[in-house]
Amino acid sequence: MSNHLFETLTPDNAVMLLIDHQVGTMNFGIADIDVLHLKNQTLWLAEAAGIFGIPVILTTSNPDGANGPLFPELLAACPGAPVIDRLIINAWNDPNFVAAVQRTGRRKLIMAGVTADVCLTFPAIGAVRDGYDVYAVMDASGTVNQHALQAAVSRMCQVGVKIANTNMVIAEILADWSSSYGARLGKLYSERLPNFGFIAAHLKHQAALRA
């Protein structure tokens, strides 16, 4: 069995691919996940990538049509990230997108997309075929119903895509709260995962009382 199956994500071996998180796609019939939650998870991924120094590549599908532009908060969270506009449905069939991935020199792809059954599934399968190790982040992706979600997960699993969620990916990369990333990630967790923030605030208050 290939060793890459057991190699963990690190700030140095991963690239983040956020596919078609557009104003139109995010609001057109997404039913398997609350859209506000989807938006929060996507920003959580993007902001964590910024803290870790992980390269981010953004892409849109038909941005001049009904899908519209990327939602502005995502662009703000990824300053300098390339945005690949395309009409090709499968991003992995777009040579400009694949070339952007290749330029990073990284083989572990953290992927999320809207919709999950098309914009995520198709490029995830293509990337695995070409030898990449793909992590599909399902709670930063969304689709039209639970049947579509189940079909997407099943089809990706059949070819070896690793099914993941936002917290799993970030925690795997962080690895150790005592690392140089710990304090900034703790703040980000507090902002993007409110219950974590409540706990962190309580612990900080208790520590101040003991001081």
C-alpha atoms as a PDB file:
ATOM      1  CA  MET A   1       0.000   0.000   0.000  1.00  0.00           C
ATOM      2  CA  SER A   2       1.334   3.444  -0.950  1.00  0.00           C
ATOM      3  CA  ASN A   3       2.922   5.428   1.861  1.00  0.00           C
ATOM      4  CA  HIS A   4       1.133   8.602   0.758  1.00  0.00           C
ATOM      5  CA  LEU A   5      -2.087   7.148   2.172  1.00  0.00           C
ATOM      6  CA  PHE A   6      -0.657   7.554   5.660  1.00  0.00           C
ATOM      7  CA  GLU A   7       1.324  10.769   5.206  1.00  0.00           C
ATOM      8  CA  THR A   8      -0.375  13.565   7.124  1.00  0.00           C
ATOM      9  CA  LEU A   9      -1.172  17.014   5.832  1.00  0.00           C
ATOM     10  CA  THR A  10       1.383  19.689   6.721  1.00  0.00           C
ATOM     11  CA  PRO A  11       1.822  23.371   5.876  1.00  0.00           C
ATOM     12  CA  ASP A  12       4.571  22.336   3.456  1.00  0.00           C
ATOM     13  CA  ASN A  13       2.948  19.568   1.427  1.00  0.00           C
ATOM     14  CA  ALA A  14      -0.603  20.794   0.775  1.00  0.00           C
ATOM     15  CA  VAL A  15      -2.396  23.189  -1.566  1.00  0.00           C
ATOM     16  CA  MET A  16      -5.988  24.340  -1.115  1.00  0.00           C
ATOM     17  CA  LEU A  17      -8.351  24.357  -4.094  1.00  0.00           C
ATOM     18  CA  LEU A  18     -11.668  26.171  -3.586  1.00  0.00           C
ATOM     19  CA  ILE A  19     -13.892  25.534  -6.562  1.00  0.00           C
ATOM     20  CA  ASP A  20     -16.859  27.652  -7.652  1.00  0.00           C
ATOM     21  CA  HIS A  21     -17.830  29.240  -4.334  1.00  0.00           C
ATOM     22  CA  GLN A  22     -19.761  31.853  -6.278  1.00  0.00           C
ATOM     23  CA  VAL A  23     -22.620  34.129  -5.334  1.00  0.00           C
ATOM     24  CA  GLY A  24     -24.965  32.218  -7.635  1.00  0.00           C
ATOM     25  CA  THR A  25     -23.863  28.654  -6.924  1.00  0.00           C
ATOM     26  CA  MET A  26     -23.901  29.222  -3.156  1.00  0.00           C
ATOM     27  CA  ASN A  27     -27.537  30.285  -3.253  1.00  0.00           C
ATOM     28  CA  PHE A  28     -29.011  28.212  -6.070  1.00  0.00           C
ATOM     29  CA  GLY A  29     -30.792  25.245  -4.565  1.00  0.00           C
ATOM     30  CA  ILE A  30     -28.173  24.168  -1.993  1.00  0.00           C
ATOM     31  CA  ALA A  31     -30.154  21.901   0.332  1.00  0.00           C
ATOM     32  CA  ASP A  32     -27.778  19.436   2.007  1.00  0.00           C
ATOM     33  CA  ILE A  33     -26.163  22.100   4.202  1.00  0.00           C
ATOM     34  CA  ASP A  34     -27.181  25.483   5.540  1.00  0.00           C
ATOM     35  CA  VAL A  35     -25.650  28.102   3.234  1.00  0.00           C
ATOM     36  CA  LEU A  36     -24.429  30.276   6.113  1.00  0.00           C
ATOM     37  CA  HIS A  37     -22.665  27.249   7.575  1.00  0.00           C
ATOM     38  CA  LEU A  38     -21.189  26.441   4.164  1.00  0.00           C
ATOM     39  CA  LYS A  39     -19.891  29.991   3.845  1.00  0.00           C
ATOM     40  CA  ASN A  40     -18.441  29.919   7.360  1.00  0.00           C
ATOM     41  CA  GLN A  41     -16.615  26.644   6.739  1.00  0.00           C
ATOM     42  CA  THR A  42     -15.207  27.893   3.440  1.00  0.00           C
ATOM     43  CA  LEU A  43     -13.859  31.042   5.059  1.00  0.00           C
ATOM     44  CA  TRP A  44     -12.485  28.983   7.947  1.00  0.00           C
ATOM     45  CA  LEU A  45     -10.509  26.881   5.467  1.00  0.00           C
ATOM     46  CA  ALA A  46      -9.265  29.923   3.555  1.00  0.00           C
ATOM     47  CA  GLU A  47      -8.244  31.810   6.685  1.00  0.00           C
ATOM     48  CA  ALA A  48      -6.465  28.769   8.104  1.00  0.00           C
ATOM     49  CA  ALA A  49      -4.559  28.419   4.840  1.00  0.00           C
ATOM     50  CA  GLY A  50      -3.412  32.002   5.273  1.00  0.00           C
ATOM     51  CA  ILE A  51      -2.137  31.292   8.786  1.00  0.00           C
ATOM     52  CA  PHE A  52      -0.314  28.149   7.669  1.00  0.00           C
ATOM     53  CA  GLY A  53       1.071  29.771   4.523  1.00  0.00           C
ATOM     54  CA  ILE A  54      -0.601  27.144   2.342  1.00  0.00           C
ATOM     55  CA  PRO A  55      -1.142  28.264  -1.260  1.00  0.00           C
ATOM     56  CA  VAL A  56      -4.764  28.704  -2.324  1.00  0.00           C
ATOM     57  CA  ILE A  57      -6.134  28.455  -5.851  1.00  0.00           C
ATOM     58  CA  LEU A  58      -9.624  29.734  -6.599  1.00  0.00           C
ATOM     59  CA  THR A  59     -11.718  28.972  -9.650  1.00  0.00           C
ATOM     60  CA  THR A  60     -15.077  30.005 -11.052  1.00  0.00           C
ATOM     61  CA  SER A  61     -17.498  28.430 -13.511  1.00  0.00           C
ATOM     62  CA  ASN A  62     -19.152  30.810 -15.992  1.00  0.00           C
ATOM     63  CA  PRO A  63     -18.741  33.874 -13.738  1.00  0.00           C
ATOM     64  CA  ASP A  64     -20.363  36.169 -16.312  1.00  0.00           C
ATOM     65  CA  GLY A  65     -23.536  34.077 -16.247  1.00  0.00           C
ATOM     66  CA  ALA A  66     -25.974  33.037 -13.552  1.00  0.00           C
ATOM     67  CA  ASN A  67     -23.218  31.623 -11.312  1.00  0.00           C
ATOM     68  CA  GLY A  68     -21.835  35.107 -10.727  1.00  0.00           C
ATOM     69  CA  PRO A  69     -18.523  36.043  -9.090  1.00  0.00           C
ATOM     70  CA  LEU A  70     -16.827  34.480  -6.099  1.00  0.00           C
ATOM     71  CA  PHE A  71     -18.366  35.743  -2.890  1.00  0.00           C
ATOM     72  CA  PRO A  72     -16.354  38.814  -1.850  1.00  0.00           C
ATOM     73  CA  GLU A  73     -15.395  37.670   1.643  1.00  0.00           C
ATOM     74  CA  LEU A  74     -13.575  34.698   0.120  1.00  0.00           C
ATOM     75  CA  LEU A  75     -11.567  36.932  -2.185  1.00  0.00           C
ATOM     76  CA  ALA A  76     -10.685  39.135   0.785  1.00  0.00           C
ATOM     77  CA  ALA A  77      -9.520  36.088   2.752  1.00  0.00           C
ATOM     78  CA  CYS A  78      -7.205  34.989  -0.084  1.00  0.00           C
ATOM     79  CA  PRO A  79      -5.270  38.069  -1.204  1.00  0.00           C
ATOM     80  CA  GLY A  80      -3.034  37.273  -4.142  1.00  0.00           C
ATOM     81  CA  ALA A  81      -4.562  33.851  -4.792  1.00  0.00           C
ATOM     82  CA  PRO A  82      -4.962  33.098  -8.503  1.00  0.00           C
ATOM     83  CA  VAL A  83      -8.548  32.966  -9.759  1.00  0.00           C
ATOM     84  CA  ILE A  84      -9.069  30.683 -12.749  1.00  0.00           C
ATOM     85  CA  ASP A  85     -12.227  31.602 -14.658  1.00  0.00           C
ATOM     86  CA  ARG A  86     -13.526  28.851 -16.918  1.00  0.00           C
ATOM     87  CA  LEU A  87     -16.445  27.515 -18.915  1.00  0.00           C
ATOM     88  CA  ILE A  88     -15.264  23.892 -18.740  1.00  0.00           C
ATOM     89  CA  ILE A  89     -17.451  22.051 -16.225  1.00  0.00           C
ATOM     90  CA  ASN A  90     -14.698  19.846 -14.772  1.00  0.00           C
ATOM     91  CA  ALA A  91     -11.963  22.133 -13.427  1.00  0.00           C
ATOM     92  CA  TRP A  92      -9.426  19.325 -13.814  1.00  0.00           C
ATOM     93  CA  ASN A  93     -10.025  19.406 -17.569  1.00  0.00           C
ATOM     94  CA  ASP A  94      -8.977  23.070 -17.670  1.00  0.00           C
ATOM     95  CA  PRO A  95      -5.238  23.256 -18.451  1.00  0.00           C
ATOM     96  CA  ASN A  96      -4.941  26.655 -16.740  1.00  0.00           C
ATOM     97  CA  PHE A  97      -6.271  25.248 -13.474  1.00  0.00           C
ATOM     98  CA  VAL A  98      -4.059  22.151 -13.593  1.00  0.00           C
ATOM     99  CA  ALA A  99      -1.030  24.284 -14.462  1.00  0.00           C
ATOM    100  CA  ALA A 100      -1.686  26.476 -11.414  1.00  0.00           C
ATOM    101  CA  VAL A 101      -1.733  23.366  -9.228  1.00  0.00           C
ATOM    102  CA  GLN A 102       1.447  22.022 -10.808  1.00  0.00           C
ATOM    103  CA  ARG A 103       3.284  25.302 -10.195  1.00  0.00           C
ATOM    104  CA  THR A 104       2.879  24.813  -6.444  1.00  0.00           C
ATOM    105  CA  GLY A 105       4.889  21.594  -6.609  1.00  0.00           C
ATOM    106  CA  ARG A 106       2.552  20.038  -4.037  1.00  0.00           C
ATOM    107  CA  ARG A 107       0.836  16.666  -4.350  1.00  0.00           C
ATOM    108  CA  LYS A 108      -1.703  16.784  -1.501  1.00  0.00           C
ATOM    109  CA  LEU A 109      -4.828  18.638  -2.601  1.00  0.00           C
ATOM    110  CA  ILE A 110      -7.379  19.965  -0.120  1.00  0.00           C
ATOM    111  CA  MET A 111     -10.501  20.449  -2.247  1.00  0.00           C
ATOM    112  CA  ALA A 112     -13.949  21.894  -1.688  1.00  0.00           C
ATOM    113  CA  GLY A 113     -16.516  22.867  -4.283  1.00  0.00           C
ATOM    114  CA  VAL A 114     -20.044  23.907  -5.052  1.00  0.00           C
ATOM    115  CA  THR A 115     -21.745  21.782  -6.153  1.00  0.00           C
ATOM    116  CA  ALA A 116     -20.262  18.781  -4.388  1.00  0.00           C
ATOM    117  CA  ASP A 117     -21.530  16.239  -6.910  1.00  0.00           C
ATOM    118  CA  VAL A 118     -20.080  18.065  -9.939  1.00  0.00           C
ATOM    119  CA  CYS A 119     -17.649  20.879  -9.137  1.00  0.00           C
ATOM    120  CA  LEU A 120     -15.915  18.859  -6.394  1.00  0.00           C
ATOM    121  CA  THR A 121     -16.388  15.254  -7.496  1.00  0.00           C
ATOM    122  CA  PHE A 122     -15.189  15.518 -11.090  1.00  0.00           C
ATOM    123  CA  PRO A 123     -11.863  17.306 -10.409  1.00  0.00           C
ATOM    124  CA  ALA A 124     -11.225  15.177  -7.317  1.00  0.00           C
ATOM    125  CA  ILE A 125     -11.504  12.013  -9.423  1.00  0.00           C
ATOM    126  CA  GLY A 126      -9.304  13.480 -12.150  1.00  0.00           C
ATOM    127  CA  ALA A 127      -6.621  14.521  -9.690  1.00  0.00           C
ATOM    128  CA  VAL A 128      -6.505  11.072  -8.078  1.00  0.00           C
ATOM    129  CA  ARG A 129      -6.199   9.523 -11.536  1.00  0.00           C
ATOM    130  CA  ASP A 130      -3.151  11.738 -12.107  1.00  0.00           C
ATOM    131  CA  GLY A 131      -1.464  10.653  -8.888  1.00  0.00           C
ATOM    132  CA  TYR A 132      -2.498  13.367  -6.443  1.00  0.00           C
ATOM    133  CA  ASP A 133      -3.630  12.712  -2.880  1.00  0.00           C
ATOM    134  CA  VAL A 134      -7.025  14.425  -2.588  1.00  0.00           C
ATOM    135  CA  TYR A 135      -8.942  15.454   0.527  1.00  0.00           C
ATOM    136  CA  ALA A 136     -12.569  16.381  -0.243  1.00  0.00           C
ATOM    137  CA  VAL A 137     -13.852  18.763   2.435  1.00  0.00           C
ATOM    138  CA  MET A 138     -17.558  18.046   2.489  1.00  0.00           C
ATOM    139  CA  ASP A 139     -18.755  20.715   4.937  1.00  0.00           C
ATOM    140  CA  ALA A 140     -17.165  23.428   2.767  1.00  0.00           C
ATOM    141  CA  SER A 141     -19.033  22.013  -0.222  1.00  0.00           C
ATOM    142  CA  GLY A 142     -22.752  21.858  -0.932  1.00  0.00           C
ATOM    143  CA  THR A 143     -25.239  20.358  -3.341  1.00  0.00           C
ATOM    144  CA  VAL A 144     -28.923  20.132  -4.234  1.00  0.00           C
ATOM    145  CA  ASN A 145     -30.086  17.317  -1.938  1.00  0.00           C
ATOM    146  CA  GLN A 146     -28.935  14.442   0.263  1.00  0.00           C
ATOM    147  CA  HIS A 147     -29.106  11.958  -2.629  1.00  0.00           C
ATOM    148  CA  ALA A 148     -26.617  14.054  -4.591  1.00  0.00           C
ATOM    149  CA  LEU A 149     -24.363  14.277  -1.548  1.00  0.00           C
ATOM    150  CA  GLN A 150     -24.416  10.505  -1.039  1.00  0.00           C
ATOM    151  CA  ALA A 151     -23.692   9.911  -4.722  1.00  0.00           C
ATOM    152  CA  ALA A 152     -20.745  12.323  -4.589  1.00  0.00           C
ATOM    153  CA  VAL A 153     -19.218  10.724  -1.508  1.00  0.00           C
ATOM    154  CA  SER A 154     -19.698   7.205  -2.862  1.00  0.00           C
ATOM    155  CA  ARG A 155     -18.207   7.980  -6.246  1.00  0.00           C
ATOM    156  CA  MET A 156     -15.169   9.742  -4.762  1.00  0.00           C
ATOM    157  CA  CYS A 157     -14.576   6.949  -2.261  1.00  0.00           C
ATOM    158  CA  GLN A 158     -14.563   4.406  -5.099  1.00  0.00           C
ATOM    159  CA  VAL A 159     -11.384   5.950  -6.525  1.00  0.00           C
ATOM    160  CA  GLY A 160      -9.574   6.771  -3.290  1.00  0.00           C
ATOM    161  CA  VAL A 161     -10.482  10.374  -2.521  1.00  0.00           C
ATOM    162  CA  LYS A 162     -10.201  11.015   1.219  1.00  0.00           C
ATOM    163  CA  ILE A 163     -13.481  12.330   2.614  1.00  0.00           C
ATOM    164  CA  ALA A 164     -12.858  15.017   5.216  1.00  0.00           C
ATOM    165  CA  ASN A 165     -14.349  18.013   6.991  1.00  0.00           C
ATOM    166  CA  THR A 166     -12.972  21.438   7.832  1.00  0.00           C
ATOM    167  CA  ASN A 167     -12.069  20.790  11.462  1.00  0.00           C
ATOM    168  CA  MET A 168     -10.360  17.493  10.580  1.00  0.00           C
ATOM    169  CA  VAL A 169      -8.155  19.095   7.930  1.00  0.00           C
ATOM    170  CA  ILE A 170      -7.137  22.094  10.039  1.00  0.00           C
ATOM    171  CA  ALA A 171      -6.437  19.990  13.135  1.00  0.00           C
ATOM    172  CA  GLU A 172      -4.343  17.543  11.094  1.00  0.00           C
ATOM    173  CA  ILE A 173      -2.206  20.364   9.734  1.00  0.00           C
ATOM    174  CA  LEU A 174      -1.892  22.089  13.115  1.00  0.00           C
ATOM    175  CA  ALA A 175      -0.859  18.825  14.848  1.00  0.00           C
ATOM    176  CA  ASP A 176       0.294  20.561  18.061  1.00  0.00           C
ATOM    177  CA  TRP A 177      -1.287  23.504  19.880  1.00  0.00           C
ATOM    178  CA  SER A 178       2.162  24.501  21.163  1.00  0.00           C
ATOM    179  CA  SER A 179       3.388  25.129  17.618  1.00  0.00           C
ATOM    180  CA  SER A 180       3.966  28.621  16.245  1.00  0.00           C
ATOM    181  CA  TYR A 181       0.505  28.442  14.653  1.00  0.00           C
ATOM    182  CA  GLY A 182      -1.350  27.584  17.860  1.00  0.00           C
ATOM    183  CA  ALA A 183      -2.332  31.037  19.136  1.00  0.00           C
ATOM    184  CA  ARG A 184      -3.611  32.307  15.779  1.00  0.00           C
ATOM    185  CA  LEU A 185      -5.470  29.067  15.104  1.00  0.00           C
ATOM    186  CA  GLY A 186      -7.057  29.255  18.549  1.00  0.00           C
ATOM    187  CA  LYS A 187      -8.349  32.737  17.739  1.00  0.00           C
ATOM    188  CA  LEU A 188      -9.650  31.525  14.395  1.00  0.00           C
ATOM    189  CA  TYR A 189     -11.419  28.570  16.036  1.00  0.00           C
ATOM    190  CA  SER A 190     -13.072  31.002  18.437  1.00  0.00           C
ATOM    191  CA  GLU A 191     -14.321  33.117  15.536  1.00  0.00           C
ATOM    192  CA  ARG A 192     -15.494  30.310  13.250  1.00  0.00           C
ATOM    193  CA  LEU A 193     -16.640  27.752  15.831  1.00  0.00           C
ATOM    194  CA  PRO A 194     -18.571  29.763  18.438  1.00  0.00           C
ATOM    195  CA  ASN A 195     -18.832  26.985  21.034  1.00  0.00           C
ATOM    196  CA  PHE A 196     -15.051  26.694  21.005  1.00  0.00           C
ATOM    197  CA  GLY A 197     -14.910  30.435  21.550  1.00  0.00           C
ATOM    198  CA  PHE A 198     -17.173  30.206  24.589  1.00  0.00           C
ATOM    199  CA  ILE A 199     -14.931  27.539  26.114  1.00  0.00           C
ATOM    200  CA  ALA A 200     -11.745  29.470  25.333  1.00  0.00           C
ATOM    201  CA  ALA A 201     -13.189  32.659  26.854  1.00  0.00           C
ATOM    202  CA  HIS A 202     -14.230  30.777  29.996  1.00  0.00           C
ATOM    203  CA  LEU A 203     -10.794  29.203  30.410  1.00  0.00           C
ATOM    204  CA  LYS A 204      -9.120  32.579  29.896  1.00  0.00           C
ATOM    205  CA  HIS A 205     -11.416  34.100  32.528  1.00  0.00           C
ATOM    206  CA  GLN A 206     -10.683  31.292  34.989  1.00  0.00           C
ATOM    207  CA  ALA A 207      -6.934  31.705  34.453  1.00  0.00           C
ATOM    208  CA  ALA A 208      -7.219  35.447  35.118  1.00  0.00           C
ATOM    209  CA  LEU A 209      -9.075  34.786  38.373  1.00  0.00           C
ATOM    210  CA  ARG A 210      -6.320  32.410  39.516  1.00  0.00           C
ATOM    211  CA  ALA A 211      -3.550  34.873  38.643  1.00  0.00           C
END
